[in-house]
Amino acid sequence: MCVAQAQSSAAGHRDFVLEAGRCWCAARREKLAVQPRLVQTFAPFACEILAPVFDALFLNFEACLGRPMITGSQQEITQDERDLVALLEKPMSPITRFPESSLRIVLSVALFSTCLMVDLALPPDRRDRGRD
């Protein structure tokens, strides 16, 4: 698989990523196990295997933020959500929002891994399967 495909894949599923982030944050706020909640969210798309991938991505994103991620709604996308989607659009680009650190390196790996896994687990022909 080429890097260009991986870079565009997760960004091409923006609404999917936002829904996953909102589910993950809600589960954390409610002190629930996040991966089972993500599995439920991903089940209509037949890509439950992505639950640990997104869990790791969101944990690393929050670690770099130094605070909980702020999520929005269908009507409003927060700056954190915009930044996350932008990072997924170009996982190999420098992450200038965060200071140089080992956390930033781990986030870069998590971003690239997420793009690869989304490309493998959620090809374009299944993108809207859960919405039917």
N, C-alpha and C. Protein backbone atom coordinates (compact mmCIF):
# COMPACT_ATOMS: atom_id res chain seq x y z
N MET A 1 0.85 -1.17 0.00
CA MET A 1 0.00 0.00 0.00
C MET A 1 0.89 1.23 0.00
N CYS A 2 0.53 2.21 -0.75
CA CYS A 2 1.38 3.40 -0.82
C CYS A 2 1.00 4.41 0.26
N VAL A 3 1.95 5.22 0.65
CA VAL A 3 1.75 6.20 1.72
C VAL A 3 0.67 7.20 1.34
N ALA A 4 0.61 7.63 0.09
CA ALA A 4 -0.40 8.60 -0.33
C ALA A 4 -1.82 8.07 -0.10
N GLN A 5 -2.03 6.78 -0.35
CA GLN A 5 -3.35 6.19 -0.09
C GLN A 5 -3.66 6.23 1.39
N ALA A 6 -2.70 5.88 2.21
CA ALA A 6 -2.92 5.85 3.66
C ALA A 6 -3.20 7.25 4.18
N GLN A 7 -2.53 8.24 3.62
CA GLN A 7 -2.73 9.60 4.09
C GLN A 7 -4.13 10.10 3.80
N SER A 8 -4.71 9.71 2.70
CA SER A 8 -6.02 10.24 2.34
C SER A 8 -7.17 9.41 2.90
N SER A 9 -6.91 8.18 3.30
CA SER A 9 -7.98 7.28 3.68
C SER A 9 -8.77 7.74 4.90
N ALA A 10 -8.12 7.96 6.00
CA ALA A 10 -8.84 8.34 7.22
C ALA A 10 -9.52 9.69 7.05
N ALA A 11 -8.87 10.61 6.36
CA ALA A 11 -9.47 11.92 6.14
C ALA A 11 -10.71 11.80 5.27
N GLY A 12 -10.74 10.82 4.36
CA GLY A 12 -11.90 10.58 3.52
C GLY A 12 -13.09 10.05 4.30
N HIS A 13 -12.86 9.69 5.53
CA HIS A 13 -13.89 9.17 6.42
C HIS A 13 -14.07 10.14 7.61
N ARG A 14 -14.07 11.42 7.34
CA ARG A 14 -14.11 12.45 8.38
C ARG A 14 -15.25 12.22 9.37
N ASP A 15 -16.46 12.01 8.87
CA ASP A 15 -17.60 11.84 9.76
C ASP A 15 -17.44 10.59 10.63
N PHE A 16 -16.86 9.56 10.06
CA PHE A 16 -16.59 8.32 10.81
C PHE A 16 -15.61 8.61 11.95
N VAL A 17 -14.55 9.36 11.66
CA VAL A 17 -13.55 9.72 12.67
C VAL A 17 -14.18 10.58 13.75
N LEU A 18 -14.99 11.56 13.36
CA LEU A 18 -15.63 12.43 14.34
C LEU A 18 -16.58 11.64 15.23
N GLU A 19 -17.35 10.74 14.64
CA GLU A 19 -18.26 9.91 15.43
C GLU A 19 -17.49 9.03 16.41
N ALA A 20 -16.38 8.47 15.96
CA ALA A 20 -15.56 7.64 16.83
C ALA A 20 -15.00 8.48 18.00
N GLY A 21 -14.51 9.66 17.70
CA GLY A 21 -13.96 10.53 18.74
C GLY A 21 -15.01 10.93 19.76
N ARG A 22 -16.19 11.23 19.30
CA ARG A 22 -17.27 11.63 20.21
C ARG A 22 -17.72 10.47 21.08
N CYS A 23 -17.79 9.29 20.50
CA CYS A 23 -18.13 8.08 21.26
C CYS A 23 -17.07 7.82 22.32
N TRP A 24 -15.81 7.91 21.93
CA TRP A 24 -14.69 7.65 22.83
C TRP A 24 -14.70 8.63 24.00
N CYS A 25 -14.87 9.91 23.70
CA CYS A 25 -14.89 10.94 24.75
C CYS A 25 -16.08 10.75 25.69
N ALA A 26 -17.23 10.42 25.15
CA ALA A 26 -18.42 10.20 25.99
C ALA A 26 -18.19 9.02 26.93
N ALA A 27 -17.62 7.95 26.42
CA ALA A 27 -17.34 6.79 27.26
C ALA A 27 -16.36 7.14 28.37
N ARG A 28 -15.33 7.92 28.05
CA ARG A 28 -14.36 8.33 29.07
C ARG A 28 -15.01 9.20 30.14
N ARG A 29 -15.85 10.15 29.71
CA ARG A 29 -16.55 11.02 30.68
C ARG A 29 -17.44 10.21 31.61
N GLU A 30 -18.08 9.18 31.05
CA GLU A 30 -18.98 8.34 31.83
C GLU A 30 -18.25 7.23 32.57
N LYS A 31 -16.91 7.20 32.43
CA LYS A 31 -16.06 6.21 33.09
C LYS A 31 -16.43 4.78 32.68
N LEU A 32 -16.73 4.61 31.38
CA LEU A 32 -17.03 3.30 30.81
C LEU A 32 -15.82 2.80 30.04
N ALA A 33 -15.77 1.52 29.82
CA ALA A 33 -14.71 0.95 28.98
C ALA A 33 -14.93 1.45 27.55
N VAL A 34 -13.92 2.09 26.99
CA VAL A 34 -14.11 2.74 25.69
C VAL A 34 -14.12 1.77 24.52
N GLN A 35 -13.30 0.74 24.56
CA GLN A 35 -13.24 -0.15 23.40
C GLN A 35 -14.56 -0.86 23.12
N PRO A 36 -15.27 -1.37 24.12
CA PRO A 36 -16.58 -1.96 23.82
C PRO A 36 -17.55 -0.94 23.22
N ARG A 37 -17.49 0.29 23.66
CA ARG A 37 -18.35 1.33 23.09
C ARG A 37 -17.97 1.60 21.64
N LEU A 38 -16.67 1.65 21.36
CA LEU A 38 -16.23 1.84 19.98
C LEU A 38 -16.66 0.67 19.10
N VAL A 39 -16.57 -0.54 19.64
CA VAL A 39 -17.00 -1.72 18.88
C VAL A 39 -18.47 -1.57 18.49
N GLN A 40 -19.31 -1.11 19.40
CA GLN A 40 -20.72 -0.90 19.08
C GLN A 40 -20.89 0.16 17.99
N THR A 41 -20.10 1.20 18.06
CA THR A 41 -20.17 2.28 17.06
C THR A 41 -19.72 1.77 15.69
N PHE A 42 -18.70 0.92 15.67
CA PHE A 42 -18.13 0.45 14.42
C PHE A 42 -18.88 -0.74 13.82
N ALA A 43 -19.71 -1.42 14.61
CA ALA A 43 -20.40 -2.63 14.14
C ALA A 43 -21.20 -2.41 12.85
N PRO A 44 -21.96 -1.32 12.69
CA PRO A 44 -22.71 -1.15 11.44
C PRO A 44 -21.82 -1.05 10.20
N PHE A 45 -20.55 -0.72 10.42
CA PHE A 45 -19.60 -0.60 9.31
C PHE A 45 -18.77 -1.88 9.13
N ALA A 46 -19.01 -2.88 9.99
CA ALA A 46 -18.28 -4.14 9.96
C ALA A 46 -16.77 -3.93 10.09
N CYS A 47 -16.39 -3.01 10.98
CA CYS A 47 -14.96 -2.75 11.19
C CYS A 47 -14.64 -2.60 12.68
N GLU A 48 -15.20 -3.51 13.46
CA GLU A 48 -14.98 -3.48 14.91
C GLU A 48 -13.50 -3.57 15.27
N ILE A 49 -12.71 -4.14 14.38
CA ILE A 49 -11.28 -4.30 14.63
C ILE A 49 -10.58 -2.95 14.82
N LEU A 50 -11.21 -1.87 14.41
CA LEU A 50 -10.60 -0.54 14.55
C LEU A 50 -10.70 0.03 15.97
N ALA A 51 -11.44 -0.60 16.85
CA ALA A 51 -11.62 -0.07 18.20
C ALA A 51 -10.29 0.19 18.92
N PRO A 52 -9.37 -0.79 19.00
CA PRO A 52 -8.11 -0.50 19.69
C PRO A 52 -7.24 0.52 18.95
N VAL A 53 -7.39 0.59 17.65
CA VAL A 53 -6.61 1.55 16.85
C VAL A 53 -7.02 2.98 17.21
N PHE A 54 -8.31 3.23 17.23
CA PHE A 54 -8.79 4.57 17.57
C PHE A 54 -8.60 4.87 19.05
N ASP A 55 -8.72 3.87 19.91
CA ASP A 55 -8.46 4.09 21.33
C ASP A 55 -7.03 4.60 21.52
N ALA A 56 -6.07 3.95 20.87
CA ALA A 56 -4.67 4.38 20.98
C ALA A 56 -4.47 5.77 20.38
N LEU A 57 -5.09 6.04 19.25
CA LEU A 57 -4.95 7.36 18.63
C LEU A 57 -5.46 8.45 19.55
N PHE A 58 -6.66 8.27 20.08
CA PHE A 58 -7.25 9.31 20.93
C PHE A 58 -6.48 9.47 22.25
N LEU A 59 -5.99 8.36 22.81
CA LEU A 59 -5.17 8.46 24.03
C LEU A 59 -3.90 9.27 23.77
N ASN A 60 -3.26 9.02 22.64
CA ASN A 60 -2.03 9.74 22.31
C ASN A 60 -2.31 11.20 21.97
N PHE A 61 -3.41 11.47 21.30
CA PHE A 61 -3.80 12.85 20.99
C PHE A 61 -4.03 13.62 22.28
N GLU A 62 -4.75 13.02 23.23
CA GLU A 62 -4.97 13.69 24.52
C GLU A 62 -3.68 13.87 25.29
N ALA A 63 -2.79 12.92 25.23
CA ALA A 63 -1.50 13.04 25.92
C ALA A 63 -0.74 14.25 25.37
N CYS A 64 -0.77 14.43 24.07
CA CYS A 64 -0.09 15.59 23.47
C CYS A 64 -0.81 16.89 23.82
N LEU A 65 -2.13 16.85 23.87
CA LEU A 65 -2.88 18.04 24.26
C LEU A 65 -2.61 18.42 25.72
N GLY A 66 -2.38 17.40 26.54
CA GLY A 66 -2.20 17.64 27.97
C GLY A 66 -3.51 17.86 28.70
N ARG A 67 -4.59 17.47 28.05
CA ARG A 67 -5.95 17.64 28.62
C ARG A 67 -6.90 16.76 27.82
N PRO A 68 -8.13 16.59 28.33
CA PRO A 68 -9.11 15.82 27.56
C PRO A 68 -9.45 16.51 26.23
N MET A 69 -9.69 15.71 25.22
CA MET A 69 -10.11 16.22 23.92
C MET A 69 -11.52 16.79 24.05
N ILE A 70 -11.76 17.92 23.42
CA ILE A 70 -13.08 18.55 23.41
C ILE A 70 -13.78 18.18 22.11
N THR A 71 -14.97 17.61 22.23
CA THR A 71 -15.73 17.20 21.05
C THR A 71 -16.95 18.07 20.88
N GLY A 72 -17.46 18.08 19.67
CA GLY A 72 -18.62 18.90 19.35
C GLY A 72 -19.86 18.06 19.12
N SER A 73 -20.64 18.50 18.14
CA SER A 73 -21.89 17.83 17.79
C SER A 73 -22.02 17.82 16.28
N GLN A 74 -23.14 17.30 15.78
CA GLN A 74 -23.34 17.30 14.33
C GLN A 74 -23.34 18.72 13.77
N GLN A 75 -23.78 19.66 14.57
CA GLN A 75 -23.84 21.05 14.11
C GLN A 75 -22.54 21.82 14.32
N GLU A 76 -21.71 21.36 15.24
CA GLU A 76 -20.51 22.10 15.59
C GLU A 76 -19.31 21.18 15.73
N ILE A 77 -18.24 21.51 15.01
CA ILE A 77 -16.98 20.77 15.11
C ILE A 77 -16.02 21.63 15.92
N THR A 78 -15.40 21.04 16.92
CA THR A 78 -14.48 21.80 17.77
C THR A 78 -13.11 21.93 17.11
N GLN A 79 -12.28 22.80 17.68
CA GLN A 79 -10.92 22.96 17.18
C GLN A 79 -10.12 21.68 17.35
N ASP A 80 -10.32 20.97 18.45
CA ASP A 80 -9.62 19.69 18.64
C ASP A 80 -9.98 18.72 17.53
N GLU A 81 -11.27 18.65 17.18
CA GLU A 81 -11.70 17.74 16.12
C GLU A 81 -11.11 18.17 14.76
N ARG A 82 -11.12 19.47 14.51
CA ARG A 82 -10.52 19.96 13.26
C ARG A 82 -9.04 19.60 13.19
N ASP A 83 -8.35 19.79 14.30
CA ASP A 83 -6.92 19.48 14.33
C ASP A 83 -6.66 17.99 14.12
N LEU A 84 -7.47 17.15 14.74
CA LEU A 84 -7.29 15.71 14.59
C LEU A 84 -7.52 15.28 13.14
N VAL A 85 -8.57 15.77 12.52
CA VAL A 85 -8.84 15.44 11.11
C VAL A 85 -7.70 15.95 10.23
N ALA A 86 -7.22 17.15 10.50
CA ALA A 86 -6.11 17.71 9.72
C ALA A 86 -4.86 16.84 9.87
N LEU A 87 -4.59 16.37 11.07
CA LEU A 87 -3.44 15.50 11.28
C LEU A 87 -3.61 14.18 10.54
N LEU A 88 -4.83 13.66 10.50
CA LEU A 88 -5.07 12.42 9.77
C LEU A 88 -4.95 12.61 8.26
N GLU A 89 -5.19 13.81 7.78
CA GLU A 89 -5.04 14.08 6.35
C GLU A 89 -3.59 13.96 5.92
N LYS A 90 -2.67 14.31 6.81
CA LYS A 90 -1.25 14.26 6.48
C LYS A 90 -0.46 13.73 7.67
N PRO A 91 -0.58 12.42 7.95
CA PRO A 91 0.08 11.86 9.13
C PRO A 91 1.61 11.92 9.08
N MET A 92 2.18 12.08 7.90
CA MET A 92 3.64 12.13 7.80
C MET A 92 4.17 13.57 7.86
N SER A 93 3.27 14.55 7.93
CA SER A 93 3.72 15.94 7.99
C SER A 93 4.12 16.29 9.42
N PRO A 94 4.92 17.33 9.59
CA PRO A 94 5.32 17.72 10.94
C PRO A 94 4.10 18.15 11.76
N ILE A 95 4.08 17.74 13.00
CA ILE A 95 2.98 18.12 13.90
C ILE A 95 3.46 19.33 14.69
N THR A 96 3.19 20.50 14.16
CA THR A 96 3.74 21.71 14.77
C THR A 96 2.91 22.22 15.95
N ARG A 97 1.71 21.71 16.12
CA ARG A 97 0.89 22.17 17.24
C ARG A 97 1.50 21.77 18.59
N PHE A 98 2.21 20.65 18.60
CA PHE A 98 2.74 20.12 19.84
C PHE A 98 4.25 20.30 19.90
N PRO A 99 4.79 20.55 21.08
CA PRO A 99 6.25 20.69 21.19
C PRO A 99 6.95 19.37 20.88
N GLU A 100 8.18 19.48 20.44
CA GLU A 100 9.00 18.29 20.14
C GLU A 100 9.11 17.46 21.42
N SER A 101 8.70 16.21 21.33
CA SER A 101 8.78 15.32 22.48
C SER A 101 8.58 13.89 22.02
N SER A 102 8.80 12.96 22.94
CA SER A 102 8.56 11.56 22.61
C SER A 102 7.07 11.32 22.39
N LEU A 103 6.21 12.08 23.08
CA LEU A 103 4.77 11.94 22.88
C LEU A 103 4.38 12.28 21.44
N ARG A 104 5.01 13.29 20.90
CA ARG A 104 4.72 13.71 19.53
C ARG A 104 5.13 12.62 18.53
N ILE A 105 6.23 11.96 18.81
CA ILE A 105 6.67 10.87 17.94
C ILE A 105 5.68 9.71 18.00
N VAL A 106 5.22 9.38 19.20
CA VAL A 106 4.24 8.30 19.36
C VAL A 106 2.94 8.68 18.65
N LEU A 107 2.52 9.94 18.75
CA LEU A 107 1.32 10.37 18.05
C LEU A 107 1.48 10.24 16.54
N SER A 108 2.64 10.56 16.03
CA SER A 108 2.88 10.41 14.58
C SER A 108 2.71 8.96 14.15
N VAL A 109 3.22 8.04 14.94
CA VAL A 109 3.08 6.62 14.62
C VAL A 109 1.61 6.21 14.71
N ALA A 110 0.91 6.68 15.74
CA ALA A 110 -0.51 6.35 15.89
C ALA A 110 -1.33 6.89 14.72
N LEU A 111 -1.00 8.08 14.26
CA LEU A 111 -1.71 8.67 13.11
C LEU A 111 -1.52 7.82 11.86
N PHE A 112 -0.28 7.47 11.59
CA PHE A 112 0.01 6.69 10.40
C PHE A 112 -0.64 5.31 10.49
N SER A 113 -0.54 4.68 11.66
CA SER A 113 -1.16 3.36 11.85
C SER A 113 -2.67 3.42 11.66
N THR A 114 -3.29 4.48 12.18
CA THR A 114 -4.74 4.64 12.03
C THR A 114 -5.11 4.75 10.56
N CYS A 115 -4.37 5.54 9.82
CA CYS A 115 -4.65 5.69 8.38
C CYS A 115 -4.54 4.35 7.66
N LEU A 116 -3.51 3.60 7.97
CA LEU A 116 -3.34 2.29 7.33
C LEU A 116 -4.48 1.35 7.69
N MET A 117 -4.83 1.29 8.96
CA MET A 117 -5.87 0.37 9.40
C MET A 117 -7.24 0.76 8.85
N VAL A 118 -7.53 2.05 8.80
CA VAL A 118 -8.81 2.48 8.22
C VAL A 118 -8.87 2.08 6.76
N ASP A 119 -7.76 2.25 6.06
CA ASP A 119 -7.73 1.87 4.64
C ASP A 119 -7.96 0.38 4.46
N LEU A 120 -7.44 -0.42 5.34
CA LEU A 120 -7.61 -1.87 5.25
C LEU A 120 -9.00 -2.33 5.70
N ALA A 121 -9.52 -1.70 6.75
CA ALA A 121 -10.77 -2.17 7.34
C ALA A 121 -12.02 -1.49 6.80
N LEU A 122 -11.87 -0.30 6.23
CA LEU A 122 -13.04 0.46 5.80
C LEU A 122 -12.81 1.04 4.41
N PRO A 123 -12.80 0.18 3.39
CA PRO A 123 -12.61 0.69 2.04
C PRO A 123 -13.78 1.57 1.61
N PRO A 124 -13.60 2.40 0.59
CA PRO A 124 -14.63 3.35 0.17
C PRO A 124 -15.99 2.73 -0.11
N ASP A 125 -16.04 1.51 -0.62
CA ASP A 125 -17.33 0.90 -0.94
C ASP A 125 -18.14 0.54 0.31
N ARG A 126 -17.49 0.53 1.50
CA ARG A 126 -18.21 0.26 2.75
C ARG A 126 -18.37 1.51 3.59
N ARG A 127 -17.94 2.65 3.09
CA ARG A 127 -17.92 3.89 3.86
C ARG A 127 -19.27 4.23 4.47
N ASP A 128 -20.35 4.09 3.74
CA ASP A 128 -21.65 4.51 4.21
C ASP A 128 -22.56 3.33 4.58
N ARG A 129 -21.99 2.16 4.71
CA ARG A 129 -22.79 0.96 5.00
C ARG A 129 -23.64 1.14 6.26
N GLY A 130 -23.08 1.72 7.30
CA GLY A 130 -23.80 1.87 8.56
C GLY A 130 -24.89 2.90 8.52
N ARG A 131 -24.98 3.68 7.45
CA ARG A 131 -25.96 4.75 7.37
C ARG A 131 -27.23 4.33 6.63
N ASP A 132 -27.24 3.13 6.06
CA ASP A 132 -28.40 2.69 5.26
C ASP A 132 -29.58 2.37 6.14
